């Protein structure tokens, strides 16, 4: 069983605040446009209205995750709380790769079985924890 040498559990937002602001502004803008379109008494088939509603729900859920989602790293594993909580134990992760991006650093987790998973870090403390994890996995040769 693999352990990550972290002094204490690290928890933080999954995305940086500028990303959250952009997500909220874009979501509100799209909702305002959609509301205006629906209020304009334009003839739209019911299927199109349902698709617009489904898209609005998906966009709202994504925005919620970007604004409120959190990531926790501790000696046992990594957890990401969002719309649906997800967690992985270090013993199940075969290799990791650190990917730095403007709005959140990402840690790609490759389990022994199944698809690659991606977790997000939006705080400096999580960035440091992700870097520690990536270094530990690179030293172990997996």
N, C-alpha and C. Protein backbone atom coordinates (compact mmCIF):
# COMPACT_ATOMS: atom_id res chain seq x y z
N UNK A 1 0.84 -1.18 0.00
CA UNK A 1 0.00 0.00 0.00
C UNK A 1 0.88 1.24 0.00
N UNK A 2 0.56 2.18 -0.85
CA UNK A 2 1.34 3.41 -1.02
C UNK A 2 0.80 4.50 -0.11
N UNK A 3 1.71 5.26 0.51
CA UNK A 3 1.31 6.42 1.31
C UNK A 3 1.99 7.66 0.77
N UNK A 4 1.29 8.76 0.82
CA UNK A 4 1.81 10.04 0.36
C UNK A 4 2.31 10.80 1.58
N UNK A 5 3.59 11.25 1.57
CA UNK A 5 4.15 11.92 2.75
C UNK A 5 3.71 13.39 2.87
N UNK A 6 2.48 13.60 3.24
CA UNK A 6 1.97 14.95 3.44
C UNK A 6 1.89 15.20 4.95
N UNK A 7 2.32 16.37 5.41
CA UNK A 7 2.30 16.64 6.85
C UNK A 7 0.89 16.65 7.42
N UNK A 8 -0.08 17.07 6.64
CA UNK A 8 -1.48 17.13 7.09
C UNK A 8 -2.36 17.08 5.85
N UNK A 9 -3.62 16.70 6.02
CA UNK A 9 -4.52 16.75 4.86
C UNK A 9 -4.60 18.17 4.30
N UNK A 10 -4.71 18.25 2.98
CA UNK A 10 -4.80 19.55 2.30
C UNK A 10 -6.14 19.60 1.58
N UNK A 11 -6.91 20.64 1.86
CA UNK A 11 -8.21 20.83 1.21
C UNK A 11 -8.26 22.23 0.64
N UNK A 12 -8.84 22.36 -0.53
CA UNK A 12 -8.99 23.68 -1.14
C UNK A 12 -9.96 23.64 -2.29
N UNK A 13 -10.21 24.80 -2.85
CA UNK A 13 -11.10 24.91 -4.00
C UNK A 13 -10.47 24.22 -5.21
N UNK A 14 -11.30 23.67 -6.05
CA UNK A 14 -10.82 22.96 -7.23
C UNK A 14 -10.39 23.90 -8.35
N UNK A 15 -10.95 25.09 -8.39
CA UNK A 15 -10.59 26.07 -9.43
C UNK A 15 -10.21 27.38 -8.78
N UNK A 16 -9.35 28.12 -9.45
CA UNK A 16 -8.97 29.45 -8.96
C UNK A 16 -10.14 30.41 -9.11
N UNK A 17 -10.13 31.46 -8.30
CA UNK A 17 -11.24 32.42 -8.29
C UNK A 17 -11.50 33.09 -9.65
N UNK A 18 -10.49 33.46 -10.45
CA UNK A 18 -10.82 34.05 -11.76
C UNK A 18 -11.65 33.10 -12.63
N UNK A 19 -11.38 31.81 -12.55
CA UNK A 19 -12.16 30.84 -13.33
C UNK A 19 -13.61 30.82 -12.84
N UNK A 20 -13.79 30.92 -11.54
CA UNK A 20 -15.14 30.93 -10.98
C UNK A 20 -15.91 32.18 -11.43
N UNK A 21 -15.24 33.31 -11.41
CA UNK A 21 -15.89 34.56 -11.85
C UNK A 21 -16.30 34.46 -13.32
N UNK A 22 -15.40 33.97 -14.15
CA UNK A 22 -15.72 33.81 -15.58
C UNK A 22 -16.88 32.85 -15.77
N UNK A 23 -16.88 31.73 -15.03
CA UNK A 23 -17.96 30.76 -15.15
C UNK A 23 -19.30 31.37 -14.77
N UNK A 24 -19.33 32.13 -13.69
CA UNK A 24 -20.58 32.75 -13.25
C UNK A 24 -21.05 33.78 -14.27
N UNK A 25 -20.16 34.62 -14.74
CA UNK A 25 -20.54 35.66 -15.72
C UNK A 25 -21.07 35.03 -17.00
N UNK A 26 -20.37 34.02 -17.52
CA UNK A 26 -20.83 33.36 -18.74
C UNK A 26 -22.16 32.64 -18.53
N UNK A 27 -22.32 31.99 -17.41
CA UNK A 27 -23.57 31.28 -17.13
C UNK A 27 -24.74 32.26 -17.04
N UNK A 28 -24.54 33.35 -16.31
CA UNK A 28 -25.60 34.34 -16.20
C UNK A 28 -25.93 34.98 -17.55
N UNK A 29 -24.90 35.23 -18.36
CA UNK A 29 -25.13 35.82 -19.68
C UNK A 29 -25.93 34.88 -20.57
N UNK A 30 -25.56 33.61 -20.55
CA UNK A 30 -26.30 32.63 -21.38
C UNK A 30 -27.73 32.47 -20.86
N UNK A 31 -27.91 32.45 -19.53
CA UNK A 31 -29.26 32.35 -18.98
C UNK A 31 -30.10 33.58 -19.33
N UNK A 32 -29.50 34.76 -19.28
CA UNK A 32 -30.23 35.98 -19.63
C UNK A 32 -30.66 35.95 -21.09
N UNK A 33 -29.74 35.52 -21.95
CA UNK A 33 -30.07 35.43 -23.38
C UNK A 33 -31.17 34.40 -23.61
N UNK A 34 -31.06 33.24 -22.96
CA UNK A 34 -32.07 32.20 -23.11
C UNK A 34 -33.42 32.64 -22.59
N UNK A 35 -33.43 33.33 -21.47
CA UNK A 35 -34.69 33.83 -20.91
C UNK A 35 -35.33 34.85 -21.85
N UNK A 36 -34.50 35.69 -22.40
CA UNK A 36 -35.00 36.70 -23.35
C UNK A 36 -35.58 36.04 -24.60
N UNK A 37 -34.89 35.00 -25.06
CA UNK A 37 -35.36 34.26 -26.23
C UNK A 37 -36.71 33.59 -25.94
N UNK A 38 -36.83 32.95 -24.77
CA UNK A 38 -38.09 32.29 -24.43
C UNK A 38 -39.21 33.29 -24.19
N UNK A 39 -38.88 34.47 -23.67
CA UNK A 39 -39.90 35.49 -23.41
C UNK A 39 -40.33 36.23 -24.67
N UNK A 40 -39.59 36.07 -25.76
CA UNK A 40 -39.87 36.82 -26.99
C UNK A 40 -41.02 36.22 -27.78
N UNK A 41 -41.64 35.20 -27.26
CA UNK A 41 -42.78 34.56 -27.93
C UNK A 41 -42.42 34.02 -29.30
N UNK A 42 -41.20 33.50 -29.42
CA UNK A 42 -40.77 32.89 -30.67
C UNK A 42 -41.30 31.46 -30.72
N UNK A 43 -41.81 31.07 -31.87
CA UNK A 43 -42.32 29.71 -32.03
C UNK A 43 -41.15 28.73 -32.05
N UNK A 44 -41.08 27.88 -31.02
CA UNK A 44 -40.04 26.86 -30.97
C UNK A 44 -40.68 25.51 -30.70
N UNK A 45 -40.22 24.49 -31.39
CA UNK A 45 -40.74 23.15 -31.10
C UNK A 45 -40.40 22.76 -29.67
N UNK A 46 -41.23 21.93 -29.08
CA UNK A 46 -41.04 21.49 -27.69
C UNK A 46 -39.69 20.81 -27.49
N UNK A 47 -39.23 20.09 -28.51
CA UNK A 47 -37.93 19.40 -28.40
C UNK A 47 -36.81 20.41 -28.22
N UNK A 48 -36.86 21.52 -28.94
CA UNK A 48 -35.84 22.56 -28.81
C UNK A 48 -35.88 23.18 -27.42
N UNK A 49 -37.06 23.43 -26.91
CA UNK A 49 -37.20 24.00 -25.56
C UNK A 49 -36.61 23.03 -24.53
N UNK A 50 -36.90 21.74 -24.67
CA UNK A 50 -36.34 20.74 -23.74
C UNK A 50 -34.82 20.68 -23.84
N UNK A 51 -34.28 20.78 -25.05
CA UNK A 51 -32.83 20.79 -25.22
C UNK A 51 -32.20 22.02 -24.57
N UNK A 52 -32.85 23.18 -24.71
CA UNK A 52 -32.36 24.39 -24.07
C UNK A 52 -32.37 24.26 -22.55
N UNK A 53 -33.42 23.66 -22.02
CA UNK A 53 -33.51 23.47 -20.57
C UNK A 53 -32.44 22.49 -20.10
N UNK A 54 -32.25 21.39 -20.83
CA UNK A 54 -31.21 20.41 -20.46
C UNK A 54 -29.82 21.05 -20.51
N UNK A 55 -29.58 21.87 -21.52
CA UNK A 55 -28.30 22.56 -21.63
C UNK A 55 -28.10 23.55 -20.48
N UNK A 56 -29.17 24.23 -20.09
CA UNK A 56 -29.08 25.18 -18.97
C UNK A 56 -28.77 24.46 -17.67
N UNK A 57 -29.40 23.30 -17.46
CA UNK A 57 -29.14 22.53 -16.24
C UNK A 57 -27.68 22.06 -16.23
N UNK A 58 -27.20 21.54 -17.36
CA UNK A 58 -25.80 21.08 -17.44
C UNK A 58 -24.83 22.24 -17.20
N UNK A 59 -25.12 23.40 -17.77
CA UNK A 59 -24.25 24.56 -17.59
C UNK A 59 -24.26 25.03 -16.13
N UNK A 60 -25.42 25.01 -15.50
CA UNK A 60 -25.52 25.41 -14.09
C UNK A 60 -24.75 24.45 -13.19
N UNK A 61 -24.82 23.16 -13.48
CA UNK A 61 -24.09 22.17 -12.68
C UNK A 61 -22.58 22.35 -12.83
N UNK A 62 -22.14 22.60 -14.04
CA UNK A 62 -20.71 22.82 -14.29
C UNK A 62 -20.25 24.08 -13.57
N UNK A 63 -21.03 25.13 -13.66
CA UNK A 63 -20.70 26.38 -12.98
C UNK A 63 -20.63 26.16 -11.47
N UNK A 64 -21.58 25.43 -10.93
CA UNK A 64 -21.58 25.15 -9.50
C UNK A 64 -20.29 24.45 -9.08
N UNK A 65 -19.84 23.46 -9.86
CA UNK A 65 -18.61 22.74 -9.54
C UNK A 65 -17.40 23.68 -9.60
N UNK A 66 -17.34 24.53 -10.61
CA UNK A 66 -16.20 25.45 -10.74
C UNK A 66 -16.16 26.44 -9.57
N UNK A 67 -17.31 26.86 -9.10
CA UNK A 67 -17.36 27.84 -8.00
C UNK A 67 -17.18 27.19 -6.63
N UNK A 68 -17.83 26.05 -6.39
CA UNK A 68 -17.87 25.48 -5.04
C UNK A 68 -17.12 24.16 -4.87
N UNK A 69 -16.66 23.53 -5.94
CA UNK A 69 -16.00 22.23 -5.82
C UNK A 69 -14.71 22.30 -5.01
N UNK A 70 -14.46 21.26 -4.22
CA UNK A 70 -13.25 21.20 -3.42
C UNK A 70 -12.49 19.90 -3.68
N UNK A 71 -11.19 19.95 -3.43
CA UNK A 71 -10.33 18.79 -3.55
C UNK A 71 -9.62 18.61 -2.22
N UNK A 72 -9.52 17.35 -1.77
CA UNK A 72 -8.82 17.02 -0.53
C UNK A 72 -7.79 15.94 -0.83
N UNK A 73 -6.57 16.17 -0.35
CA UNK A 73 -5.48 15.21 -0.48
C UNK A 73 -5.02 14.85 0.92
N UNK A 74 -4.91 13.55 1.20
CA UNK A 74 -4.35 13.12 2.48
C UNK A 74 -3.53 11.86 2.26
N UNK A 75 -3.07 11.26 3.33
CA UNK A 75 -2.19 10.10 3.24
C UNK A 75 -2.89 8.89 2.63
N UNK A 76 -4.19 8.83 2.70
CA UNK A 76 -4.93 7.67 2.20
C UNK A 76 -5.32 7.79 0.73
N UNK A 77 -5.56 9.01 0.26
CA UNK A 77 -6.00 9.17 -1.11
C UNK A 77 -6.36 10.60 -1.45
N UNK A 78 -7.15 10.73 -2.50
CA UNK A 78 -7.55 12.05 -2.97
C UNK A 78 -9.06 12.04 -3.21
N UNK A 79 -9.73 13.12 -2.80
CA UNK A 79 -11.17 13.22 -2.96
C UNK A 79 -11.52 14.54 -3.62
N UNK A 80 -12.55 14.48 -4.45
CA UNK A 80 -13.03 15.71 -5.07
C UNK A 80 -14.53 15.78 -4.83
N UNK A 81 -14.96 16.84 -4.15
CA UNK A 81 -16.37 17.04 -3.85
C UNK A 81 -16.94 18.04 -4.83
N UNK A 82 -17.98 17.62 -5.51
CA UNK A 82 -18.64 18.49 -6.47
C UNK A 82 -20.10 18.06 -6.55
N UNK A 83 -20.63 17.97 -7.73
CA UNK A 83 -22.00 17.50 -7.90
C UNK A 83 -22.11 16.07 -7.39
N UNK A 84 -21.18 15.23 -7.79
CA UNK A 84 -21.10 13.87 -7.27
C UNK A 84 -19.70 13.67 -6.69
N UNK A 85 -19.59 13.36 -5.41
CA UNK A 85 -18.28 13.19 -4.79
C UNK A 85 -17.54 11.99 -5.41
N UNK A 86 -16.23 12.15 -5.57
CA UNK A 86 -15.40 11.08 -6.12
C UNK A 86 -14.18 10.94 -5.23
N UNK A 87 -13.66 9.71 -5.13
CA UNK A 87 -12.45 9.51 -4.33
C UNK A 87 -11.66 8.34 -4.89
N UNK A 88 -10.33 8.43 -4.68
CA UNK A 88 -9.42 7.38 -5.12
C UNK A 88 -8.40 7.14 -4.02
N UNK A 89 -8.09 5.89 -3.76
CA UNK A 89 -7.06 5.54 -2.79
C UNK A 89 -5.73 5.44 -3.51
N UNK A 90 -4.64 5.83 -2.83
CA UNK A 90 -3.32 5.79 -3.46
C UNK A 90 -2.96 4.37 -3.88
N UNK A 91 -3.43 3.38 -3.14
CA UNK A 91 -3.11 1.99 -3.47
C UNK A 91 -3.68 1.59 -4.83
N UNK A 92 -4.72 2.28 -5.28
CA UNK A 92 -5.36 1.94 -6.56
C UNK A 92 -4.78 2.70 -7.74
N UNK A 93 -3.93 3.69 -7.47
CA UNK A 93 -3.38 4.54 -8.53
C UNK A 93 -2.01 4.00 -8.95
N UNK A 94 -1.89 3.71 -10.23
CA UNK A 94 -0.64 3.16 -10.76
C UNK A 94 0.37 4.25 -11.10
N UNK A 95 -0.09 5.34 -11.70
CA UNK A 95 0.81 6.44 -12.04
C UNK A 95 0.00 7.74 -12.11
N UNK A 96 0.74 8.85 -12.01
CA UNK A 96 0.10 10.17 -12.06
C UNK A 96 0.91 11.09 -12.97
N UNK A 97 0.26 12.11 -13.45
CA UNK A 97 0.95 13.13 -14.24
C UNK A 97 0.39 14.50 -13.85
N UNK A 98 1.30 15.42 -13.58
CA UNK A 98 0.93 16.78 -13.21
C UNK A 98 0.79 17.61 -14.48
N UNK A 99 -0.34 18.31 -14.62
CA UNK A 99 -0.59 19.16 -15.79
C UNK A 99 -0.94 20.55 -15.27
N UNK A 100 -0.11 21.52 -15.58
CA UNK A 100 -0.37 22.90 -15.15
C UNK A 100 -1.18 23.61 -16.24
N UNK A 101 -2.27 24.23 -15.81
CA UNK A 101 -3.12 24.98 -16.72
C UNK A 101 -3.45 26.31 -16.06
N UNK A 102 -3.87 27.30 -16.83
CA UNK A 102 -4.08 28.63 -16.26
C UNK A 102 -5.12 28.69 -15.14
N UNK A 103 -6.21 27.96 -15.23
CA UNK A 103 -7.29 28.12 -14.27
C UNK A 103 -7.26 27.11 -13.13
N UNK A 104 -6.54 26.01 -13.30
CA UNK A 104 -6.37 25.04 -12.21
C UNK A 104 -5.31 24.04 -12.62
N UNK A 105 -4.46 23.68 -11.67
CA UNK A 105 -3.49 22.63 -11.91
C UNK A 105 -4.26 21.32 -11.86
N UNK A 106 -3.89 20.38 -12.71
CA UNK A 106 -4.59 19.11 -12.75
C UNK A 106 -3.64 17.97 -12.48
N UNK A 107 -4.15 16.98 -11.79
CA UNK A 107 -3.40 15.77 -11.55
C UNK A 107 -4.16 14.65 -12.23
N UNK A 108 -3.52 14.06 -13.23
CA UNK A 108 -4.14 12.95 -13.96
C UNK A 108 -3.78 11.66 -13.24
N UNK A 109 -4.79 10.90 -12.84
CA UNK A 109 -4.61 9.67 -12.10
C UNK A 109 -4.89 8.49 -13.02
N UNK A 110 -3.92 7.58 -13.13
CA UNK A 110 -4.10 6.39 -13.95
C UNK A 110 -4.19 5.18 -13.03
N UNK A 111 -5.39 4.69 -12.79
CA UNK A 111 -5.52 3.50 -11.95
C UNK A 111 -5.07 2.24 -12.71
N UNK A 112 -4.88 1.16 -11.97
CA UNK A 112 -4.48 -0.10 -12.60
C UNK A 112 -5.54 -0.55 -13.61
N UNK A 113 -6.81 -0.32 -13.29
CA UNK A 113 -7.90 -0.66 -14.21
C UNK A 113 -8.80 0.56 -14.38
N UNK A 114 -9.32 0.73 -15.55
CA UNK A 114 -10.26 1.81 -15.78
C UNK A 114 -9.63 3.02 -16.44
N UNK A 115 -10.46 4.02 -16.72
CA UNK A 115 -9.98 5.21 -17.42
C UNK A 115 -9.16 6.14 -16.53
N UNK A 116 -8.43 7.02 -17.16
CA UNK A 116 -7.67 8.05 -16.45
C UNK A 116 -8.67 9.02 -15.82
N UNK A 117 -8.38 9.43 -14.61
CA UNK A 117 -9.22 10.39 -13.89
C UNK A 117 -8.46 11.68 -13.72
N UNK A 118 -9.16 12.79 -13.65
CA UNK A 118 -8.52 14.09 -13.51
C UNK A 118 -9.10 14.79 -12.28
N UNK A 119 -8.20 15.29 -11.42
CA UNK A 119 -8.62 16.08 -10.26
C UNK A 119 -7.98 17.47 -10.38
N UNK A 120 -8.63 18.46 -9.80
CA UNK A 120 -8.25 19.86 -9.99
C UNK A 120 -7.77 20.48 -8.70
N UNK A 121 -6.80 21.40 -8.82
CA UNK A 121 -6.30 22.16 -7.67
C UNK A 121 -6.38 23.64 -7.99
N UNK A 122 -7.08 24.39 -7.16
CA UNK A 122 -7.21 25.82 -7.39
C UNK A 122 -6.53 26.68 -6.35
N UNK A 123 -5.77 26.06 -5.44
CA UNK A 123 -5.09 26.83 -4.40
C UNK A 123 -3.59 26.48 -4.40
N UNK A 124 -2.76 27.39 -3.91
CA UNK A 124 -1.32 27.10 -3.84
C UNK A 124 -1.00 25.86 -2.99
N UNK A 125 -1.75 25.64 -1.90
CA UNK A 125 -1.50 24.47 -1.05
C UNK A 125 -1.77 23.17 -1.81
N UNK A 126 -2.84 23.16 -2.59
CA UNK A 126 -3.13 21.97 -3.40
C UNK A 126 -2.11 21.81 -4.52
N UNK A 127 -1.67 22.92 -5.12
CA UNK A 127 -0.61 22.85 -6.13
C UNK A 127 0.63 22.17 -5.55
N UNK A 128 1.02 22.57 -4.34
CA UNK A 128 2.19 21.97 -3.69
C UNK A 128 1.96 20.49 -3.41
N UNK A 129 0.76 20.14 -2.95
CA UNK A 129 0.46 18.73 -2.68
C UNK A 129 0.51 17.91 -3.97
N UNK A 130 -0.05 18.45 -5.05
CA UNK A 130 -0.01 17.75 -6.34
C UNK A 130 1.43 17.55 -6.80
N UNK A 131 2.27 18.57 -6.61
CA UNK A 131 3.68 18.47 -7.00
C UNK A 131 4.39 17.38 -6.18
N UNK A 132 4.10 17.33 -4.88
CA UNK A 132 4.67 16.30 -4.01
C UNK A 132 4.26 14.91 -4.48
N UNK A 133 3.00 14.76 -4.82
CA UNK A 133 2.48 13.46 -5.29
C UNK A 133 3.16 13.06 -6.60
N UNK A 134 3.24 14.00 -7.54
CA UNK A 134 3.87 13.70 -8.84
C UNK A 134 5.34 13.31 -8.65
N UNK A 135 6.06 14.01 -7.76
CA UNK A 135 7.46 13.67 -7.51
C UNK A 135 7.59 12.29 -6.87
N UNK A 136 6.70 11.98 -5.95
CA UNK A 136 6.75 10.67 -5.30
C UNK A 136 6.51 9.54 -6.30
N UNK A 137 5.55 9.72 -7.18
CA UNK A 137 5.27 8.69 -8.18
C UNK A 137 6.41 8.58 -9.20
N UNK A 138 7.02 9.71 -9.56
CA UNK A 138 8.13 9.65 -10.53
C UNK A 138 9.35 8.96 -9.92
N UNK A 139 9.59 9.15 -8.61
CA UNK A 139 10.72 8.49 -7.94
C UNK A 139 10.51 6.99 -7.80
N UNK A 140 9.24 6.59 -7.64
CA UNK A 140 8.97 5.17 -7.42
C UNK A 140 9.05 4.37 -8.71
N UNK A 141 9.14 5.06 -9.85
CA UNK A 141 9.31 4.37 -11.13
C UNK A 141 8.02 3.81 -11.72
N UNK A 142 6.87 4.22 -11.18
CA UNK A 142 5.61 3.76 -11.76
C UNK A 142 4.96 4.86 -12.54
